[in-house]
PDB file of N, CA and C in Angstrom:
ATOM      1  N   MET A   1     116.859 168.219 138.092  1.00  0.00           N
ATOM      2  CA  MET A   1     115.923 168.041 137.005  1.00  0.00           C
ATOM      3  C   MET A   1     114.607 167.517 137.563  1.00  0.00           C
ATOM      4  N   PHE A   2     113.506 168.094 137.096  1.00  0.00           N
ATOM      5  CA  PHE A   2     112.198 167.722 137.615  1.00  0.00           C
ATOM      6  C   PHE A   2     111.615 166.502 136.915  1.00  0.00           C
ATOM      7  N   ILE A   3     112.029 166.218 135.716  1.00  0.00           N
ATOM      8  CA  ILE A   3     111.591 165.066 134.935  1.00  0.00           C
ATOM      9  C   ILE A   3     110.065 164.930 134.941  1.00  0.00           C
ATOM     10  N   ILE A   4     109.439 165.838 134.232  1.00  0.00           N
ATOM     11  CA  ILE A   4     107.993 165.764 134.000  1.00  0.00           C
ATOM     12  C   ILE A   4     107.834 165.299 132.562  1.00  0.00           C
ATOM     13  N   TRP A   5     107.214 164.129 132.384  1.00  0.00           N
ATOM     14  CA  TRP A   5     107.157 163.470 131.087  1.00  0.00           C
ATOM     15  C   TRP A   5     105.895 163.873 130.325  1.00  0.00           C
ATOM     16  N   PRO A   6     106.026 164.367 129.075  1.00  0.00           N
ATOM     17  CA  PRO A   6     104.851 164.740 128.292  1.00  0.00           C
ATOM     18  C   PRO A   6     104.332 163.603 127.426  1.00  0.00           C
ATOM     19  N   GLU A   7     103.023 163.543 127.278  1.00  0.00           N
ATOM     20  CA  GLU A   7     102.374 162.710 126.263  1.00  0.00           C
ATOM     21  C   GLU A   7     101.532 163.667 125.426  1.00  0.00           C
ATOM     22  N   PHE A   8     101.955 163.918 124.206  1.00  0.00           N
ATOM     23  CA  PHE A   8     101.319 164.920 123.364  1.00  0.00           C
ATOM     24  C   PHE A   8     100.041 164.398 122.726  1.00  0.00           C
ATOM     25  N   GLU A   9      99.082 165.310 122.554  1.00  0.00           N
ATOM     26  CA  GLU A   9      97.805 164.993 121.913  1.00  0.00           C
ATOM     27  C   GLU A   9      97.784 165.543 120.496  1.00  0.00           C
ATOM     28  N   ASN A  10      97.020 164.869 119.631  1.00  0.00           N
ATOM     29  CA  ASN A  10      96.808 165.404 118.287  1.00  0.00           C
ATOM     30  C   ASN A  10      95.642 166.395 118.332  1.00  0.00           C
ATOM     31  N   ILE A  11      95.234 166.875 117.198  1.00  0.00           N
ATOM     32  CA  ILE A  11      94.199 167.917 117.123  1.00  0.00           C
ATOM     33  C   ILE A  11      92.842 167.445 117.661  1.00  0.00           C
ATOM     34  N   THR A  12      92.599 166.120 117.662  1.00  0.00           N
ATOM     35  CA  THR A  12      91.330 165.600 118.170  1.00  0.00           C
ATOM     36  C   THR A  12      91.409 165.182 119.643  1.00  0.00           C
ATOM     37  N   GLY A  13      92.592 165.351 120.262  1.00  0.00           N
ATOM     38  CA  GLY A  13      92.746 165.012 121.676  1.00  0.00           C
ATOM     39  C   GLY A  13      93.230 163.608 121.952  1.00  0.00           C
ATOM     40  N   ASP A  14      93.522 162.846 120.890  1.00  0.00           N
ATOM     41  CA  ASP A  14      94.071 161.501 121.063  1.00  0.00           C
ATOM     42  C   ASP A  14      95.586 161.589 121.236  1.00  0.00           C
ATOM     43  N   LEU A  15      96.160 160.660 122.006  1.00  0.00           N
ATOM     44  CA  LEU A  15      97.606 160.662 122.200  1.00  0.00           C
ATOM     45  C   LEU A  15      98.333 160.341 120.906  1.00  0.00           C
ATOM     46  N   ILE A  16      99.437 161.045 120.671  1.00  0.00           N
ATOM     47  CA  ILE A  16     100.303 160.767 119.531  1.00  0.00           C
ATOM     48  C   ILE A  16     101.274 159.690 119.981  1.00  0.00           C
ATOM     49  N   LYS A  17     101.142 158.500 119.408  1.00  0.00           N
ATOM     50  CA  LYS A  17     101.991 157.372 119.828  1.00  0.00           C
ATOM     51  C   LYS A  17     103.330 157.368 119.106  1.00  0.00           C
ATOM     52  N   SER A  18     103.379 157.905 117.910  1.00  0.00           N
ATOM     53  CA  SER A  18     104.632 158.030 117.173  1.00  0.00           C
ATOM     54  C   SER A  18     104.427 159.075 116.088  1.00  0.00           C
ATOM     55  N   GLY A  19     105.515 159.582 115.580  1.00  0.00           N
ATOM     56  CA  GLY A  19     105.422 160.563 114.512  1.00  0.00           C
ATOM     57  C   GLY A  19     105.685 161.972 114.997  1.00  0.00           C
ATOM     58  N   VAL A  20     105.232 162.911 114.223  1.00  0.00           N
ATOM     59  CA  VAL A  20     105.520 164.324 114.459  1.00  0.00           C
ATOM     60  C   VAL A  20     104.536 164.930 115.457  1.00  0.00           C
ATOM     61  N   VAL A  21     105.079 165.721 116.368  1.00  0.00           N
ATOM     62  CA  VAL A  21     104.263 166.479 117.314  1.00  0.00           C
ATOM     63  C   VAL A  21     103.968 167.833 116.674  1.00  0.00           C
ATOM     64  N   LEU A  22     102.733 168.306 116.827  1.00  0.00           N
ATOM     65  CA  LEU A  22     102.350 169.601 116.272  1.00  0.00           C
ATOM     66  C   LEU A  22     103.180 170.722 116.891  1.00  0.00           C
ATOM     67  N   ARG A  23     103.344 171.803 116.152  1.00  0.00           N
ATOM     68  CA  ARG A  23     104.112 172.955 116.655  1.00  0.00           C
ATOM     69  C   ARG A  23     103.469 173.514 117.925  1.00  0.00           C
ATOM     70  N   GLU A  24     102.158 173.579 117.961  1.00  0.00           N
ATOM     71  CA  GLU A  24     101.415 173.958 119.166  1.00  0.00           C
ATOM     72  C   GLU A  24     100.490 172.814 119.480  1.00  0.00           C
ATOM     73  N   SER A  25     100.489 172.368 120.735  1.00  0.00           N
ATOM     74  CA  SER A  25      99.741 171.181 121.083  1.00  0.00           C
ATOM     75  C   SER A  25      99.420 171.174 122.575  1.00  0.00           C
ATOM     76  N   ILE A  26      98.568 170.262 122.946  1.00  0.00           N
ATOM     77  CA  ILE A  26      98.273 169.977 124.349  1.00  0.00           C
ATOM     78  C   ILE A  26      99.052 168.714 124.709  1.00  0.00           C
ATOM     79  N   ALA A  27      99.568 168.662 125.926  1.00  0.00           N
ATOM     80  CA  ALA A  27     100.273 167.465 126.389  1.00  0.00           C
ATOM     81  C   ALA A  27      99.785 167.111 127.782  1.00  0.00           C
ATOM     82  N   ARG A  28      99.642 165.829 128.024  1.00  0.00           N
ATOM     83  CA  ARG A  28      99.367 165.331 129.369  1.00  0.00           C
ATOM     84  C   ARG A  28     100.726 165.149 130.028  1.00  0.00           C
ATOM     85  N   MET A  29     100.909 165.709 131.195  1.00  0.00           N
ATOM     86  CA  MET A  29     102.222 165.702 131.838  1.00  0.00           C
ATOM     87  C   MET A  29     102.212 164.774 133.047  1.00  0.00           C
ATOM     88  N   TRP A  30     103.265 163.986 133.168  1.00  0.00           N
ATOM     89  CA  TRP A  30     103.382 163.004 134.252  1.00  0.00           C
ATOM     90  C   TRP A  30     104.636 163.280 135.059  1.00  0.00           C
ATOM     91  N   ILE A  31     104.507 163.379 136.376  1.00  0.00           N
ATOM     92  CA  ILE A  31     105.656 163.575 137.251  1.00  0.00           C
ATOM     93  C   ILE A  31     106.318 162.217 137.456  1.00  0.00           C
ATOM     94  N   VAL A  32     107.548 162.089 136.989  1.00  0.00           N
ATOM     95  CA  VAL A  32     108.253 160.812 137.019  1.00  0.00           C
ATOM     96  C   VAL A  32     108.826 160.519 138.405  1.00  0.00           C
ATOM     97  N   ASN A  33     109.360 161.536 139.054  1.00  0.00           N
ATOM     98  CA  ASN A  33     109.993 161.365 140.357  1.00  0.00           C
ATOM     99  C   ASN A  33     108.959 161.558 141.468  1.00  0.00           C
ATOM    100  N   LYS A  34     108.496 160.468 142.084  1.00  0.00           N
ATOM    101  CA  LYS A  34     107.469 160.524 143.124  1.00  0.00           C
ATOM    102  C   LYS A  34     107.875 161.400 144.297  1.00  0.00           C
ATOM    103  N   VAL A  35     109.158 161.469 144.579  1.00  0.00           N
ATOM    104  CA  VAL A  35     109.656 162.282 145.688  1.00  0.00           C
ATOM    105  C   VAL A  35     109.336 163.766 145.473  1.00  0.00           C
ATOM    106  N   LEU A  36     109.264 164.184 144.203  1.00  0.00           N
ATOM    107  CA  LEU A  36     109.021 165.596 143.902  1.00  0.00           C
ATOM    108  C   LEU A  36     107.537 165.944 143.720  1.00  0.00           C
ATOM    109  N   ARG A  37     106.644 164.971 143.903  1.00  0.00           N
ATOM    110  CA  ARG A  37     105.214 165.245 143.725  1.00  0.00           C
ATOM    111  C   ARG A  37     104.746 166.373 144.634  1.00  0.00           C
ATOM    112  N   SER A  38     105.094 166.342 145.928  1.00  0.00           N
ATOM    113  CA  SER A  38     104.649 167.387 146.859  1.00  0.00           C
ATOM    114  C   SER A  38     105.234 168.745 146.466  1.00  0.00           C
ATOM    115  N   TYR A  39     106.463 168.761 145.953  1.00  0.00           N
ATOM    116  CA  TYR A  39     107.077 169.999 145.454  1.00  0.00           C
ATOM    117  C   TYR A  39     106.200 170.606 144.358  1.00  0.00           C
ATOM    118  N   HIS A  40     105.802 169.786 143.396  1.00  0.00           N
ATOM    119  CA  HIS A  40     104.986 170.266 142.283  1.00  0.00           C
ATOM    120  C   HIS A  40     103.578 170.636 142.738  1.00  0.00           C
ATOM    121  N   GLN A  41     103.012 169.906 143.685  1.00  0.00           N
ATOM    122  CA  GLN A  41     101.679 170.227 144.192  1.00  0.00           C
ATOM    123  C   GLN A  41     101.638 171.641 144.760  1.00  0.00           C
ATOM    124  N   GLU A  42     102.711 172.082 145.363  1.00  0.00           N
ATOM    125  CA  GLU A  42     102.773 173.421 145.953  1.00  0.00           C
ATOM    126  C   GLU A  42     103.020 174.514 144.923  1.00  0.00           C
ATOM    127  N   ARG A  43     103.582 174.188 143.774  1.00  0.00           N
ATOM    128  CA  ARG A  43     104.041 175.219 142.842  1.00  0.00           C
ATOM    129  C   ARG A  43     103.294 175.288 141.515  1.00  0.00           C
ATOM    130  N   ILE A  44     102.807 174.166 141.006  1.00  0.00           N
ATOM    131  CA  ILE A  44     102.152 174.188 139.693  1.00  0.00           C
ATOM    132  C   ILE A  44     100.747 174.748 139.830  1.00  0.00           C
ATOM    133  N   LYS A  45     100.475 175.757 139.035  1.00  0.00           N
ATOM    134  CA  LYS A  45      99.167 176.426 138.991  1.00  0.00           C
ATOM    135  C   LYS A  45      98.818 176.654 137.521  1.00  0.00           C
ATOM    136  N   VAL A  46      97.546 176.823 137.226  1.00  0.00           N
ATOM    137  CA  VAL A  46      97.154 177.206 135.867  1.00  0.00           C
ATOM    138  C   VAL A  46      97.856 178.535 135.562  1.00  0.00           C
ATOM    139  N   GLY A  47      98.497 178.597 134.425  1.00  0.00           N
ATOM    140  CA  GLY A  47      99.247 179.786 134.024  1.00  0.00           C
ATOM    141  C   GLY A  47     100.748 179.666 134.243  1.00  0.00           C
ATOM    142  N   THR A  48     101.186 178.656 135.013  1.00  0.00           N
ATOM    143  CA  THR A  48     102.621 178.447 135.210  1.00  0.00           C
ATOM    144  C   THR A  48     103.280 178.171 133.864  1.00  0.00           C
ATOM    145  N   LYS A  49     104.396 178.838 133.602  1.00  0.00           N
ATOM    146  CA  LYS A  49     105.115 178.648 132.343  1.00  0.00           C
ATOM    147  C   LYS A  49     106.416 177.916 132.602  1.00  0.00           C
ATOM    148  N   GLY A  50     106.848 177.124 131.611  1.00  0.00           N
ATOM    149  CA  GLY A  50     108.082 176.369 131.742  1.00  0.00           C
ATOM    150  C   GLY A  50     108.634 176.009 130.378  1.00  0.00           C
ATOM    151  N   TYR A  51     109.559 175.063 130.381  1.00  0.00           N
ATOM    152  CA  TYR A  51     110.232 174.667 129.147  1.00  0.00           C
ATOM    153  C   TYR A  51     110.362 173.156 129.070  1.00  0.00           C
ATOM    154  N   PHE A  52     110.249 172.627 127.853  1.00  0.00           N
ATOM    155  CA  PHE A  52     110.609 171.253 127.543  1.00  0.00           C
ATOM    156  C   PHE A  52     112.051 171.313 127.041  1.00  0.00           C
ATOM    157  N   ILE A  53     112.875 170.414 127.496  1.00  0.00           N
ATOM    158  CA  ILE A  53     114.236 170.354 126.977  1.00  0.00           C
ATOM    159  C   ILE A  53     114.547 168.898 126.658  1.00  0.00           C
ATOM    160  N   GLU A  54     114.904 168.646 125.414  1.00  0.00           N
ATOM    161  CA  GLU A  54     115.311 167.307 124.984  1.00  0.00           C
ATOM    162  C   GLU A  54     116.512 167.464 124.072  1.00  0.00           C
ATOM    163  N   GLY A  55     117.676 167.048 124.574  1.00  0.00           N
ATOM    164  CA  GLY A  55     118.898 167.247 123.805  1.00  0.00           C
ATOM    165  C   GLY A  55     119.131 168.725 123.575  1.00  0.00           C
ATOM    166  N   ASN A  56     119.264 169.132 122.321  1.00  0.00           N
ATOM    167  CA  ASN A  56     119.482 170.539 122.015  1.00  0.00           C
ATOM    168  C   ASN A  56     118.191 171.254 121.611  1.00  0.00           C
ATOM    169  N   LYS A  57     117.045 170.612 121.813  1.00  0.00           N
ATOM    170  CA  LYS A  57     115.759 171.204 121.452  1.00  0.00           C
ATOM    171  C   LYS A  57     115.062 171.730 122.704  1.00  0.00           C
ATOM    172  N   THR A  58     114.489 172.914 122.595  1.00  0.00           N
ATOM    173  CA  THR A  58     113.768 173.527 123.706  1.00  0.00           C
ATOM    174  C   THR A  58     112.417 174.006 123.209  1.00  0.00           C
ATOM    175  N   GLY A  59     111.384 173.800 124.011  1.00  0.00           N
ATOM    176  CA  GLY A  59     110.051 174.284 123.691  1.00  0.00           C
ATOM    177  C   GLY A  59     109.430 174.928 124.920  1.00  0.00           C
ATOM    178  N   GLU A  60     108.596 175.920 124.695  1.00  0.00           N
ATOM    179  CA  GLU A  60     107.914 176.597 125.792  1.00  0.00           C
ATOM    180  C   GLU A  60     106.605 175.884 126.100  1.00  0.00           C
ATOM    181  N   CYS A  61     106.178 175.950 127.356  1.00  0.00           N
ATOM    182  CA  CYS A  61     104.899 175.355 127.731  1.00  0.00           C
ATOM    183  C   CYS A  61     104.215 176.216 128.785  1.00  0.00           C
ATOM    184  N   GLU A  62     102.908 176.033 128.904  1.00  0.00           N
ATOM    185  CA  GLU A  62     102.108 176.732 129.905  1.00  0.00           C
ATOM    186  C   GLU A  62     101.039 175.782 130.414  1.00  0.00           C
ATOM    187  N   VAL A  63     100.844 175.752 131.731  1.00  0.00           N
ATOM    188  CA  VAL A  63      99.814 174.910 132.338  1.00  0.00           C
ATOM    189  C   VAL A  63      98.450 175.526 132.033  1.00  0.00           C
ATOM    190  N   VAL A  64      97.562 174.736 131.402  1.00  0.00           N
ATOM    191  CA  VAL A  64      96.222 175.216 131.066  1.00  0.00           C
ATOM    192  C   VAL A  64      95.139 174.517 131.879  1.00  0.00           C
ATOM    193  N   GLU A  65      95.482 173.379 132.485  1.00  0.00           N
ATOM    194  CA  GLU A  65      94.517 172.632 133.306  1.00  0.00           C
ATOM    195  C   GLU A  65      95.306 171.681 134.202  1.00  0.00           C
ATOM    196  N   ILE A  66      94.801 171.459 135.412  1.00  0.00           N
ATOM    197  CA  ILE A  66      95.422 170.508 136.329  1.00  0.00           C
ATOM    198  C   ILE A  66      94.414 169.411 136.626  1.00  0.00           C
ATOM    199  N   VAL A  67      94.806 168.166 136.335  1.00  0.00           N
ATOM    200  CA  VAL A  67      93.930 167.022 136.539  1.00  0.00           C
ATOM    201  C   VAL A  67      94.700 165.963 137.322  1.00  0.00           C
ATOM    202  N   GLY A  68      94.265 165.659 138.533  1.00  0.00           N
ATOM    203  CA  GLY A  68      94.840 164.543 139.277  1.00  0.00           C
ATOM    204  C   GLY A  68      96.095 164.830 140.073  1.00  0.00           C
ATOM    205  N   LEU A  69      96.716 165.967 139.918  1.00  0.00           N
ATOM    206  CA  LEU A  69      97.964 166.231 140.633  1.00  0.00           C
ATOM    207  C   LEU A  69      97.759 166.212 142.148  1.00  0.00           C
ATOM    208  N   MET A  70      96.658 166.760 142.600  1.00  0.00           N
ATOM    209  CA  MET A  70      96.440 166.885 144.038  1.00  0.00           C
ATOM    210  C   MET A  70      95.904 165.610 144.678  1.00  0.00           C
ATOM    211  N   ASN A  71      95.355 164.688 143.880  1.00  0.00           N
ATOM    212  CA  ASN A  71      94.754 163.504 144.495  1.00  0.00           C
ATOM    213  C   ASN A  71      95.340 162.181 144.017  1.00  0.00           C
ATOM    214  N   ASN A  72      96.342 162.189 143.162  1.00  0.00           N
ATOM    215  CA  ASN A  72      96.987 160.937 142.774  1.00  0.00           C
ATOM    216  C   ASN A  72      97.755 160.379 143.952  1.00  0.00           C
ATOM    217  N   PRO A  73      97.779 159.072 144.116  1.00  0.00           N
ATOM    218  CA  PRO A  73      98.477 158.488 145.269  1.00  0.00           C
ATOM    219  C   PRO A  73      99.991 158.663 145.179  1.00  0.00           C
ATOM    220  N   THR A  74     100.609 158.756 146.327  1.00  0.00           N
ATOM    221  CA  THR A  74     102.065 158.776 146.435  1.00  0.00           C
ATOM    222  C   THR A  74     102.452 157.726 147.470  1.00  0.00           C
ATOM    223  N   THR A  75     103.718 157.549 147.666  1.00  0.00           N
ATOM    224  CA  THR A  75     104.153 156.554 148.650  1.00  0.00           C
ATOM    225  C   THR A  75     103.806 156.990 150.070  1.00  0.00           C
ATOM    226  N   THR A  76     103.569 158.286 150.290  1.00  0.00           N
ATOM    227  CA  THR A  76     103.226 158.739 151.636  1.00  0.00           C
ATOM    228  C   THR A  76     101.736 159.045 151.779  1.00  0.00           C
ATOM    229  N   ASN A  77     100.992 159.005 150.661  1.00  0.00           N
ATOM    230  CA  ASN A  77      99.565 159.348 150.692  1.00  0.00           C
ATOM    231  C   ASN A  77      98.805 158.356 149.829  1.00  0.00           C
ATOM    232  N   LYS A  78      98.634 157.134 150.318  1.00  0.00           N
ATOM    233  CA  LYS A  78      98.003 156.084 149.525  1.00  0.00           C
ATOM    234  C   LYS A  78      96.490 156.203 149.547  1.00  0.00           C
ATOM    235  N   VAL A  79      95.879 156.002 148.399  1.00  0.00           N
ATOM    236  CA  VAL A  79      94.421 156.006 148.284  1.00  0.00           C
ATOM    237  C   VAL A  79      93.916 154.653 148.767  1.00  0.00           C
ATOM    238  N   GLN A  80      92.903 154.642 149.604  1.00  0.00           N
ATOM    239  CA  GLN A  80      92.371 153.397 150.156  1.00  0.00           C
ATOM    240  C   GLN A  80      91.050 153.052 149.525  1.00  0.00           C
TER     241      GLN A  80
END
């Protein structure tokens, strides 16, 4: 499991802290497992399609923008 955590935005781009997520929405995605960051850096591109799975619910997703994936610090690549 890749464990990429979504934070969904509302129609104005603010994070939804609780309540219902829109049927179609933008989400900020966070890689939870630091060990897999380099794996994702090599594979995630604009246009990459995937799925959200939570319990018995599944949703489709597509990468529309990449922000910070290539330059966020990791345990092997610390920002000074």
